[in-house]
Amino acid sequence: MSTDNAPANSASEDHEMAIRRVANALHRLNDAVISAVQVGVSVELMRASRYHNEEGAWGDMLVPIIHKQD
């Protein structure tokens, strides 16, 4: 049995796991935003910075901006 594809398969699995992790976290974030809005808090998500891995991949870092109601 050849293991020539092991690194590629492992990388693909790592990518899929990372994507699932981000998707799950976004789902929890969206639930939290909905909960906040339901009690009267306005929430805006803004990009604060961008993270680079020095190999071409990047991701946006977010911060919440809370808008107070008068």
N, C-alpha and C. Protein backbone atom coordinates (compact mmCIF):
# COMPACT_ATOMS: atom_id res chain seq x y z
N MET A 1 0.85 -1.20 0.00
CA MET A 1 0.00 0.00 0.00
C MET A 1 0.88 1.24 0.00
N SER A 2 0.61 2.15 -0.89
CA SER A 2 1.40 3.37 -1.03
C SER A 2 0.87 4.46 -0.10
N THR A 3 1.77 5.23 0.45
CA THR A 3 1.37 6.36 1.30
C THR A 3 1.71 7.69 0.63
N ASP A 4 1.89 7.64 -0.72
CA ASP A 4 2.24 8.87 -1.44
C ASP A 4 1.21 9.97 -1.27
N ASN A 5 -0.07 9.63 -1.10
CA ASN A 5 -1.13 10.62 -0.97
C ASN A 5 -1.40 11.02 0.47
N ALA A 6 -0.72 10.43 1.42
CA ALA A 6 -0.99 10.71 2.84
C ALA A 6 -0.88 12.20 3.17
N PRO A 7 0.19 12.90 2.79
CA PRO A 7 0.25 14.32 3.14
C PRO A 7 -0.87 15.13 2.50
N ALA A 8 -1.21 14.86 1.24
CA ALA A 8 -2.28 15.60 0.58
C ALA A 8 -3.63 15.31 1.25
N ASN A 9 -3.88 14.05 1.56
CA ASN A 9 -5.13 13.70 2.23
C ASN A 9 -5.19 14.33 3.61
N SER A 10 -4.08 14.31 4.31
CA SER A 10 -4.04 14.91 5.64
C SER A 10 -4.30 16.41 5.56
N ALA A 11 -3.69 17.07 4.57
CA ALA A 11 -3.91 18.52 4.40
C ALA A 11 -5.36 18.78 4.08
N SER A 12 -5.95 17.97 3.20
CA SER A 12 -7.35 18.13 2.85
C SER A 12 -8.24 17.95 4.08
N GLU A 13 -7.95 16.94 4.87
CA GLU A 13 -8.71 16.71 6.11
C GLU A 13 -8.53 17.87 7.07
N ASP A 14 -7.31 18.39 7.17
CA ASP A 14 -7.05 19.55 8.03
C ASP A 14 -7.85 20.76 7.55
N HIS A 15 -7.92 20.96 6.23
CA HIS A 15 -8.69 22.08 5.67
C HIS A 15 -10.17 21.91 5.99
N GLU A 16 -10.69 20.71 5.78
CA GLU A 16 -12.11 20.46 6.06
C GLU A 16 -12.43 20.68 7.53
N MET A 17 -11.55 20.22 8.42
CA MET A 17 -11.77 20.40 9.84
C MET A 17 -11.73 21.89 10.20
N ALA A 18 -10.80 22.62 9.62
CA ALA A 18 -10.70 24.06 9.89
C ALA A 18 -11.94 24.79 9.40
N ILE A 19 -12.43 24.41 8.22
CA ILE A 19 -13.65 25.04 7.68
C ILE A 19 -14.84 24.74 8.57
N ARG A 20 -14.97 23.50 9.02
CA ARG A 20 -16.08 23.13 9.93
C ARG A 20 -15.98 23.91 11.23
N ARG A 21 -14.76 24.08 11.74
CA ARG A 21 -14.57 24.82 12.99
C ARG A 21 -15.02 26.27 12.84
N VAL A 22 -14.65 26.91 11.72
CA VAL A 22 -15.07 28.29 11.47
C VAL A 22 -16.58 28.35 11.30
N ALA A 23 -17.15 27.41 10.55
CA ALA A 23 -18.60 27.41 10.32
C ALA A 23 -19.35 27.24 11.65
N ASN A 24 -18.89 26.35 12.50
CA ASN A 24 -19.53 26.16 13.80
C ASN A 24 -19.43 27.40 14.67
N ALA A 25 -18.26 28.03 14.67
CA ALA A 25 -18.08 29.25 15.47
C ALA A 25 -18.97 30.37 14.94
N LEU A 26 -19.08 30.48 13.61
CA LEU A 26 -19.96 31.51 13.03
C LEU A 26 -21.42 31.26 13.39
N HIS A 27 -21.80 30.01 13.41
CA HIS A 27 -23.18 29.68 13.80
C HIS A 27 -23.44 30.13 15.24
N ARG A 28 -22.49 29.84 16.14
CA ARG A 28 -22.64 30.28 17.54
C ARG A 28 -22.63 31.80 17.64
N LEU A 29 -21.78 32.47 16.85
CA LEU A 29 -21.73 33.93 16.84
C LEU A 29 -23.06 34.49 16.36
N ASN A 30 -23.61 33.94 15.28
CA ASN A 30 -24.90 34.42 14.78
C ASN A 30 -26.00 34.23 15.81
N ASP A 31 -25.99 33.11 16.52
CA ASP A 31 -26.97 32.89 17.59
C ASP A 31 -26.82 33.95 18.69
N ALA A 32 -25.59 34.28 19.04
CA ALA A 32 -25.34 35.29 20.07
C ALA A 32 -25.81 36.67 19.60
N VAL A 33 -25.57 37.00 18.32
CA VAL A 33 -26.03 38.28 17.79
C VAL A 33 -27.55 38.34 17.82
N ILE A 34 -28.21 37.27 17.40
CA ILE A 34 -29.68 37.22 17.43
C ILE A 34 -30.19 37.43 18.85
N SER A 35 -29.58 36.76 19.81
CA SER A 35 -29.99 36.91 21.21
C SER A 35 -29.82 38.34 21.69
N ALA A 36 -28.71 38.97 21.33
CA ALA A 36 -28.47 40.35 21.74
C ALA A 36 -29.50 41.28 21.10
N VAL A 37 -29.77 41.10 19.82
CA VAL A 37 -30.73 41.95 19.12
C VAL A 37 -32.12 41.76 19.71
N GLN A 38 -32.46 40.55 20.08
CA GLN A 38 -33.79 40.30 20.65
C GLN A 38 -34.02 41.03 21.97
N VAL A 39 -32.95 41.33 22.70
CA VAL A 39 -33.11 42.08 23.95
C VAL A 39 -32.83 43.56 23.78
N GLY A 40 -32.64 44.00 22.51
CA GLY A 40 -32.52 45.43 22.25
C GLY A 40 -31.13 45.96 22.03
N VAL A 41 -30.14 45.10 21.86
CA VAL A 41 -28.77 45.55 21.61
C VAL A 41 -28.51 45.48 20.10
N SER A 42 -27.98 46.57 19.55
CA SER A 42 -27.59 46.58 18.14
C SER A 42 -26.12 46.23 18.03
N VAL A 43 -25.81 45.25 17.19
CA VAL A 43 -24.45 44.73 17.07
C VAL A 43 -23.99 44.84 15.63
N GLU A 44 -22.82 45.43 15.45
CA GLU A 44 -22.18 45.49 14.13
C GLU A 44 -20.85 44.77 14.23
N LEU A 45 -20.54 43.94 13.27
CA LEU A 45 -19.24 43.26 13.25
C LEU A 45 -18.36 43.98 12.24
N MET A 46 -17.15 44.34 12.69
CA MET A 46 -16.25 45.10 11.84
C MET A 46 -14.89 44.40 11.78
N ARG A 47 -14.30 44.41 10.61
CA ARG A 47 -12.95 43.84 10.50
C ARG A 47 -11.97 44.74 11.23
N ALA A 48 -11.23 44.16 12.15
CA ALA A 48 -10.23 44.92 12.91
C ALA A 48 -8.85 44.77 12.29
N SER A 49 -8.60 43.61 11.70
CA SER A 49 -7.30 43.36 11.09
C SER A 49 -7.42 42.14 10.20
N ARG A 50 -6.35 41.82 9.53
CA ARG A 50 -6.32 40.63 8.69
C ARG A 50 -5.08 39.83 9.07
N TYR A 51 -5.29 38.56 9.36
CA TYR A 51 -4.19 37.65 9.73
C TYR A 51 -3.68 36.95 8.48
N HIS A 52 -2.35 36.94 8.29
CA HIS A 52 -1.71 36.26 7.16
C HIS A 52 -0.80 35.16 7.68
N ASN A 53 -0.73 34.05 6.98
CA ASN A 53 0.16 32.97 7.40
C ASN A 53 1.49 32.99 6.66
N GLU A 54 1.76 34.02 5.89
CA GLU A 54 3.00 34.18 5.13
C GLU A 54 3.12 33.16 4.00
N GLU A 55 2.05 32.41 3.71
CA GLU A 55 2.06 31.44 2.61
C GLU A 55 0.90 31.70 1.65
N GLY A 56 0.26 32.86 1.77
CA GLY A 56 -0.81 33.22 0.87
C GLY A 56 -2.20 33.13 1.44
N ALA A 57 -2.36 32.46 2.57
CA ALA A 57 -3.69 32.36 3.19
C ALA A 57 -3.87 33.52 4.16
N TRP A 58 -5.12 33.96 4.32
CA TRP A 58 -5.40 35.08 5.22
C TRP A 58 -6.80 34.92 5.78
N GLY A 59 -7.06 35.62 6.86
CA GLY A 59 -8.39 35.62 7.46
C GLY A 59 -8.64 36.94 8.17
N ASP A 60 -9.90 37.36 8.15
CA ASP A 60 -10.27 38.61 8.80
C ASP A 60 -10.52 38.39 10.29
N MET A 61 -9.99 39.30 11.10
CA MET A 61 -10.24 39.31 12.54
C MET A 61 -11.34 40.33 12.80
N LEU A 62 -12.35 39.95 13.54
CA LEU A 62 -13.52 40.81 13.75
C LEU A 62 -13.61 41.32 15.17
N VAL A 63 -14.21 42.48 15.32
CA VAL A 63 -14.55 43.02 16.64
C VAL A 63 -16.01 43.46 16.59
N PRO A 64 -16.71 43.31 17.70
CA PRO A 64 -18.10 43.79 17.72
C PRO A 64 -18.15 45.27 18.05
N ILE A 65 -19.00 45.98 17.36
CA ILE A 65 -19.28 47.39 17.66
C ILE A 65 -20.71 47.40 18.19
N ILE A 66 -20.89 47.85 19.42
CA ILE A 66 -22.21 47.87 20.04
C ILE A 66 -22.76 49.29 19.91
N HIS A 67 -23.94 49.40 19.33
CA HIS A 67 -24.58 50.69 19.15
C HIS A 67 -25.64 50.85 20.24
N LYS A 68 -25.42 51.83 21.10
CA LYS A 68 -26.35 52.07 22.20
C LYS A 68 -27.59 52.81 21.69
N GLN A 69 -28.70 52.42 22.21
CA GLN A 69 -29.97 53.08 21.87
C GLN A 69 -30.24 54.17 22.91
N ASP A 70 -30.66 55.33 22.46
CA ASP A 70 -30.97 56.41 23.41
C ASP A 70 -32.42 56.37 23.81
